[in-house]
């Protein structure tokens, strides 16, 4: 699992790539949290377009980043999750804390 993090006009964007499971979740959390602390953005966008698998660690990743963003009065958007991952997110109730959006390119 890899993550590319960059700043854009709309906020801090973390592009996730590969599988999100308990083996890689800690590293992802640390990298994203570090970028949040350094940039203190109003918006964190987690781009899931290239995520192929996600277990409950992915839900925990989203929830933890939401809590982190709350300390800066910020928001979280989940962008472009594949359909099978979007279903898991909806079942977990993630939509109550983060907007899920699909951007067509």
N, C-alpha and C. Protein backbone atom coordinates (compact mmCIF):
# COMPACT_ATOMS: atom_id res chain seq x y z
N UNK A 1 0.84 -1.18 0.00
CA UNK A 1 0.00 0.00 0.00
C UNK A 1 0.87 1.23 0.00
N UNK A 2 0.54 2.15 -0.86
CA UNK A 2 1.28 3.40 -0.95
C UNK A 2 0.31 4.57 -0.80
N UNK A 3 0.86 5.70 -0.42
CA UNK A 3 0.07 6.92 -0.35
C UNK A 3 0.92 8.07 -0.87
N UNK A 4 0.32 8.87 -1.73
CA UNK A 4 0.95 10.10 -2.21
C UNK A 4 0.12 11.24 -1.64
N UNK A 5 0.81 12.17 -0.98
CA UNK A 5 0.13 13.28 -0.34
C UNK A 5 0.61 14.57 -0.93
N UNK A 6 -0.33 15.42 -1.30
CA UNK A 6 0.03 16.73 -1.83
C UNK A 6 -1.04 17.74 -1.48
N UNK A 7 -0.66 19.00 -1.54
CA UNK A 7 -1.60 20.07 -1.28
C UNK A 7 -2.11 20.62 -2.60
N UNK A 8 -3.36 21.00 -2.59
CA UNK A 8 -4.00 21.60 -3.75
C UNK A 8 -4.86 22.75 -3.25
N UNK A 9 -5.40 23.49 -4.17
CA UNK A 9 -6.23 24.63 -3.79
C UNK A 9 -7.40 24.20 -2.91
N UNK A 10 -7.94 23.00 -3.18
CA UNK A 10 -9.10 22.54 -2.42
C UNK A 10 -8.75 21.97 -1.05
N UNK A 11 -7.50 21.62 -0.83
CA UNK A 11 -7.10 21.09 0.47
C UNK A 11 -5.95 20.10 0.36
N UNK A 12 -5.80 19.29 1.39
CA UNK A 12 -4.76 18.25 1.43
C UNK A 12 -5.34 16.99 0.81
N UNK A 13 -4.63 16.42 -0.16
CA UNK A 13 -5.12 15.24 -0.87
C UNK A 13 -4.18 14.08 -0.62
N UNK A 14 -4.75 12.96 -0.17
CA UNK A 14 -3.99 11.72 0.04
C UNK A 14 -4.53 10.70 -0.96
N UNK A 15 -3.69 10.32 -1.92
CA UNK A 15 -4.07 9.35 -2.94
C UNK A 15 -3.56 7.98 -2.48
N UNK A 16 -4.50 7.10 -2.15
CA UNK A 16 -4.17 5.77 -1.65
C UNK A 16 -4.11 4.79 -2.82
N UNK A 17 -3.20 3.82 -2.73
CA UNK A 17 -3.00 2.89 -3.84
C UNK A 17 -2.72 1.49 -3.30
N UNK A 18 -3.54 0.52 -3.69
CA UNK A 18 -3.32 -0.86 -3.28
C UNK A 18 -4.34 -1.33 -2.26
N UNK A 19 -3.90 -2.17 -1.34
CA UNK A 19 -4.77 -2.75 -0.32
C UNK A 19 -4.59 -2.06 1.03
N UNK A 20 -5.71 -1.81 1.70
CA UNK A 20 -5.65 -1.25 3.05
C UNK A 20 -6.06 -2.35 4.01
N UNK A 21 -5.10 -2.82 4.78
CA UNK A 21 -5.36 -3.84 5.80
C UNK A 21 -4.53 -3.52 7.03
N UNK A 22 -4.62 -4.39 8.03
CA UNK A 22 -3.93 -4.11 9.30
C UNK A 22 -2.41 -4.08 9.15
N UNK A 23 -1.88 -4.66 8.08
CA UNK A 23 -0.42 -4.66 7.87
C UNK A 23 0.11 -3.28 7.48
N UNK A 24 -0.67 -2.51 6.76
CA UNK A 24 -0.17 -1.22 6.26
C UNK A 24 -0.86 -0.01 6.89
N UNK A 25 -1.94 -0.22 7.62
CA UNK A 25 -2.74 0.90 8.13
C UNK A 25 -1.95 1.84 9.03
N UNK A 26 -1.10 1.31 9.90
CA UNK A 26 -0.33 2.15 10.81
C UNK A 26 0.57 3.12 10.06
N UNK A 27 1.25 2.65 9.04
CA UNK A 27 2.13 3.50 8.24
C UNK A 27 1.33 4.59 7.53
N UNK A 28 0.17 4.23 6.99
CA UNK A 28 -0.69 5.21 6.33
C UNK A 28 -1.15 6.28 7.30
N UNK A 29 -1.58 5.84 8.48
CA UNK A 29 -2.04 6.80 9.51
C UNK A 29 -0.94 7.79 9.85
N UNK A 30 0.25 7.28 10.07
CA UNK A 30 1.37 8.15 10.45
C UNK A 30 1.69 9.17 9.36
N UNK A 31 1.73 8.73 8.12
CA UNK A 31 2.05 9.64 7.02
C UNK A 31 0.98 10.71 6.83
N UNK A 32 -0.27 10.31 6.87
CA UNK A 32 -1.36 11.27 6.69
C UNK A 32 -1.43 12.22 7.88
N UNK A 33 -1.31 11.70 9.09
CA UNK A 33 -1.35 12.56 10.28
C UNK A 33 -0.22 13.58 10.28
N UNK A 34 0.96 13.18 9.85
CA UNK A 34 2.09 14.10 9.77
C UNK A 34 1.78 15.24 8.80
N UNK A 35 1.20 14.89 7.65
CA UNK A 35 0.84 15.92 6.66
C UNK A 35 -0.25 16.85 7.19
N UNK A 36 -1.20 16.30 7.94
CA UNK A 36 -2.25 17.13 8.54
C UNK A 36 -1.64 18.10 9.54
N UNK A 37 -0.75 17.62 10.40
CA UNK A 37 -0.13 18.49 11.40
C UNK A 37 0.71 19.59 10.73
N UNK A 38 1.43 19.26 9.67
CA UNK A 38 2.28 20.24 9.00
C UNK A 38 1.47 21.28 8.25
N UNK A 39 0.35 20.89 7.65
CA UNK A 39 -0.41 21.79 6.78
C UNK A 39 -1.66 22.38 7.41
N UNK A 40 -2.20 21.73 8.43
CA UNK A 40 -3.43 22.15 9.10
C UNK A 40 -4.50 22.59 8.10
N UNK A 41 -4.87 21.68 7.19
CA UNK A 41 -5.83 22.04 6.14
C UNK A 41 -7.26 22.13 6.67
N UNK A 42 -8.10 22.82 5.93
CA UNK A 42 -9.52 22.86 6.25
C UNK A 42 -10.23 21.63 5.69
N UNK A 43 -9.61 21.00 4.68
CA UNK A 43 -10.22 19.85 4.02
C UNK A 43 -9.17 18.79 3.74
N UNK A 44 -9.49 17.55 4.09
CA UNK A 44 -8.67 16.40 3.76
C UNK A 44 -9.46 15.55 2.78
N UNK A 45 -8.86 15.28 1.62
CA UNK A 45 -9.49 14.43 0.63
C UNK A 45 -8.72 13.12 0.58
N UNK A 46 -9.42 12.03 0.87
CA UNK A 46 -8.83 10.70 0.79
C UNK A 46 -9.31 10.08 -0.53
N UNK A 47 -8.41 9.96 -1.49
CA UNK A 47 -8.76 9.45 -2.81
C UNK A 47 -8.56 7.94 -2.82
N UNK A 48 -9.66 7.21 -2.96
CA UNK A 48 -9.66 5.75 -2.91
C UNK A 48 -9.70 5.11 -4.29
N UNK A 49 -9.57 5.87 -5.35
CA UNK A 49 -9.77 5.34 -6.70
C UNK A 49 -8.90 4.12 -6.99
N UNK A 50 -7.68 4.08 -6.48
CA UNK A 50 -6.76 2.99 -6.78
C UNK A 50 -6.68 1.94 -5.66
N UNK A 51 -7.61 1.99 -4.72
CA UNK A 51 -7.64 1.00 -3.63
C UNK A 51 -8.35 -0.25 -4.15
N UNK A 52 -7.69 -1.39 -4.01
CA UNK A 52 -8.25 -2.65 -4.52
C UNK A 52 -8.94 -3.49 -3.45
N UNK A 53 -8.57 -3.28 -2.19
CA UNK A 53 -9.14 -4.04 -1.08
C UNK A 53 -9.07 -3.19 0.18
N UNK A 54 -10.09 -3.34 1.03
CA UNK A 54 -10.08 -2.63 2.31
C UNK A 54 -10.82 -3.46 3.34
N UNK A 55 -10.20 -3.69 4.49
CA UNK A 55 -10.89 -4.35 5.59
C UNK A 55 -11.25 -3.29 6.63
N UNK A 56 -11.58 -3.70 7.83
CA UNK A 56 -12.00 -2.75 8.87
C UNK A 56 -10.90 -1.75 9.22
N UNK A 57 -9.66 -2.06 8.90
CA UNK A 57 -8.57 -1.11 9.14
C UNK A 57 -8.77 0.16 8.32
N UNK A 58 -9.36 0.02 7.14
CA UNK A 58 -9.65 1.19 6.30
C UNK A 58 -10.70 2.08 6.93
N UNK A 59 -11.71 1.47 7.54
CA UNK A 59 -12.73 2.25 8.24
C UNK A 59 -12.08 2.98 9.41
N UNK A 60 -11.23 2.28 10.14
CA UNK A 60 -10.51 2.91 11.26
C UNK A 60 -9.62 4.04 10.78
N UNK A 61 -8.99 3.87 9.63
CA UNK A 61 -8.15 4.91 9.04
C UNK A 61 -8.98 6.18 8.79
N UNK A 62 -10.15 6.02 8.20
CA UNK A 62 -11.01 7.16 7.92
C UNK A 62 -11.48 7.82 9.22
N UNK A 63 -11.93 7.02 10.16
CA UNK A 63 -12.44 7.57 11.42
C UNK A 63 -11.35 8.33 12.18
N UNK A 64 -10.16 7.79 12.20
CA UNK A 64 -9.05 8.46 12.89
C UNK A 64 -8.66 9.77 12.23
N UNK A 65 -8.67 9.81 10.89
CA UNK A 65 -8.32 11.05 10.19
C UNK A 65 -9.43 12.08 10.39
N UNK A 66 -10.68 11.61 10.49
CA UNK A 66 -11.79 12.52 10.79
C UNK A 66 -11.56 13.18 12.16
N UNK A 67 -11.20 12.38 13.15
CA UNK A 67 -10.95 12.93 14.49
C UNK A 67 -9.77 13.90 14.45
N UNK A 68 -8.75 13.56 13.70
CA UNK A 68 -7.58 14.44 13.56
C UNK A 68 -7.99 15.77 12.92
N UNK A 69 -8.80 15.70 11.88
CA UNK A 69 -9.24 16.92 11.20
C UNK A 69 -10.14 17.77 12.09
N UNK A 70 -10.90 17.14 12.97
CA UNK A 70 -11.76 17.89 13.89
C UNK A 70 -10.93 18.79 14.80
N UNK A 71 -9.72 18.39 15.13
CA UNK A 71 -8.88 19.23 15.99
C UNK A 71 -8.49 20.52 15.28
N UNK A 72 -8.57 20.55 13.95
CA UNK A 72 -8.28 21.75 13.16
C UNK A 72 -9.56 22.34 12.56
N UNK A 73 -10.70 21.90 13.07
CA UNK A 73 -12.02 22.34 12.56
C UNK A 73 -12.15 22.06 11.06
N UNK A 74 -11.60 20.95 10.63
CA UNK A 74 -11.62 20.59 9.21
C UNK A 74 -12.62 19.49 8.90
N UNK A 75 -12.73 19.19 7.62
CA UNK A 75 -13.65 18.17 7.12
C UNK A 75 -12.90 17.13 6.30
N UNK A 76 -13.57 16.00 6.07
CA UNK A 76 -12.99 14.91 5.28
C UNK A 76 -13.94 14.57 4.14
N UNK A 77 -13.36 14.37 2.97
CA UNK A 77 -14.09 13.88 1.80
C UNK A 77 -13.41 12.60 1.35
N UNK A 78 -14.21 11.60 1.06
CA UNK A 78 -13.71 10.35 0.48
C UNK A 78 -14.04 10.42 -1.01
N UNK A 79 -13.01 10.33 -1.82
CA UNK A 79 -13.19 10.53 -3.26
C UNK A 79 -12.97 9.23 -4.03
N UNK A 80 -13.86 8.98 -4.96
CA UNK A 80 -13.75 7.91 -5.96
C UNK A 80 -13.53 6.50 -5.41
N UNK A 81 -14.26 6.09 -4.37
CA UNK A 81 -14.07 4.70 -3.93
C UNK A 81 -14.69 3.74 -4.96
N UNK A 82 -14.01 2.62 -5.24
CA UNK A 82 -14.62 1.60 -6.09
C UNK A 82 -15.94 1.13 -5.47
N UNK A 83 -16.83 0.63 -6.27
CA UNK A 83 -18.18 0.27 -5.81
C UNK A 83 -18.16 -0.69 -4.63
N UNK A 84 -17.32 -1.72 -4.66
CA UNK A 84 -17.30 -2.69 -3.57
C UNK A 84 -16.80 -2.07 -2.26
N UNK A 85 -15.93 -1.10 -2.34
CA UNK A 85 -15.43 -0.40 -1.15
C UNK A 85 -16.45 0.63 -0.67
N UNK A 86 -17.12 1.27 -1.61
CA UNK A 86 -18.17 2.23 -1.26
C UNK A 86 -19.28 1.55 -0.48
N UNK A 87 -19.63 0.31 -0.85
CA UNK A 87 -20.65 -0.44 -0.13
C UNK A 87 -20.24 -0.67 1.32
N UNK A 88 -18.99 -1.05 1.53
CA UNK A 88 -18.48 -1.27 2.89
C UNK A 88 -18.56 0.03 3.70
N UNK A 89 -18.18 1.14 3.07
CA UNK A 89 -18.23 2.44 3.75
C UNK A 89 -19.65 2.79 4.15
N UNK A 90 -20.59 2.59 3.24
CA UNK A 90 -21.98 2.92 3.54
C UNK A 90 -22.53 2.04 4.66
N UNK A 91 -22.20 0.76 4.63
CA UNK A 91 -22.66 -0.16 5.69
C UNK A 91 -22.10 0.23 7.05
N UNK A 92 -20.89 0.79 7.06
CA UNK A 92 -20.26 1.17 8.33
C UNK A 92 -20.76 2.51 8.85
N UNK A 93 -21.48 3.25 8.03
CA UNK A 93 -21.99 4.56 8.45
C UNK A 93 -20.99 5.70 8.28
N UNK A 94 -19.95 5.48 7.51
CA UNK A 94 -18.93 6.51 7.30
C UNK A 94 -19.52 7.80 6.75
N UNK A 95 -20.62 7.70 6.02
CA UNK A 95 -21.23 8.90 5.43
C UNK A 95 -21.70 9.90 6.48
N UNK A 96 -21.84 9.46 7.71
CA UNK A 96 -22.23 10.38 8.79
C UNK A 96 -21.10 11.33 9.17
N UNK A 97 -19.85 10.93 8.87
CA UNK A 97 -18.71 11.77 9.25
C UNK A 97 -17.93 12.31 8.07
N UNK A 98 -18.11 11.71 6.89
CA UNK A 98 -17.36 12.15 5.71
C UNK A 98 -18.23 12.03 4.46
N UNK A 99 -18.14 13.01 3.63
CA UNK A 99 -18.85 12.98 2.36
C UNK A 99 -18.13 12.01 1.42
N UNK A 100 -18.91 11.19 0.72
CA UNK A 100 -18.35 10.30 -0.30
C UNK A 100 -18.75 10.87 -1.65
N UNK A 101 -17.73 11.12 -2.50
CA UNK A 101 -18.03 11.73 -3.80
C UNK A 101 -17.29 10.98 -4.91
N UNK A 102 -17.88 11.07 -6.10
CA UNK A 102 -17.25 10.52 -7.29
C UNK A 102 -17.00 11.66 -8.26
N UNK A 103 -15.75 11.82 -8.64
CA UNK A 103 -15.35 12.86 -9.59
C UNK A 103 -15.01 12.17 -10.90
N UNK A 104 -15.71 12.53 -11.95
CA UNK A 104 -15.42 11.95 -13.26
C UNK A 104 -14.34 12.75 -13.95
N UNK A 105 -13.38 12.02 -14.47
CA UNK A 105 -12.24 12.68 -15.13
C UNK A 105 -12.32 12.49 -16.62
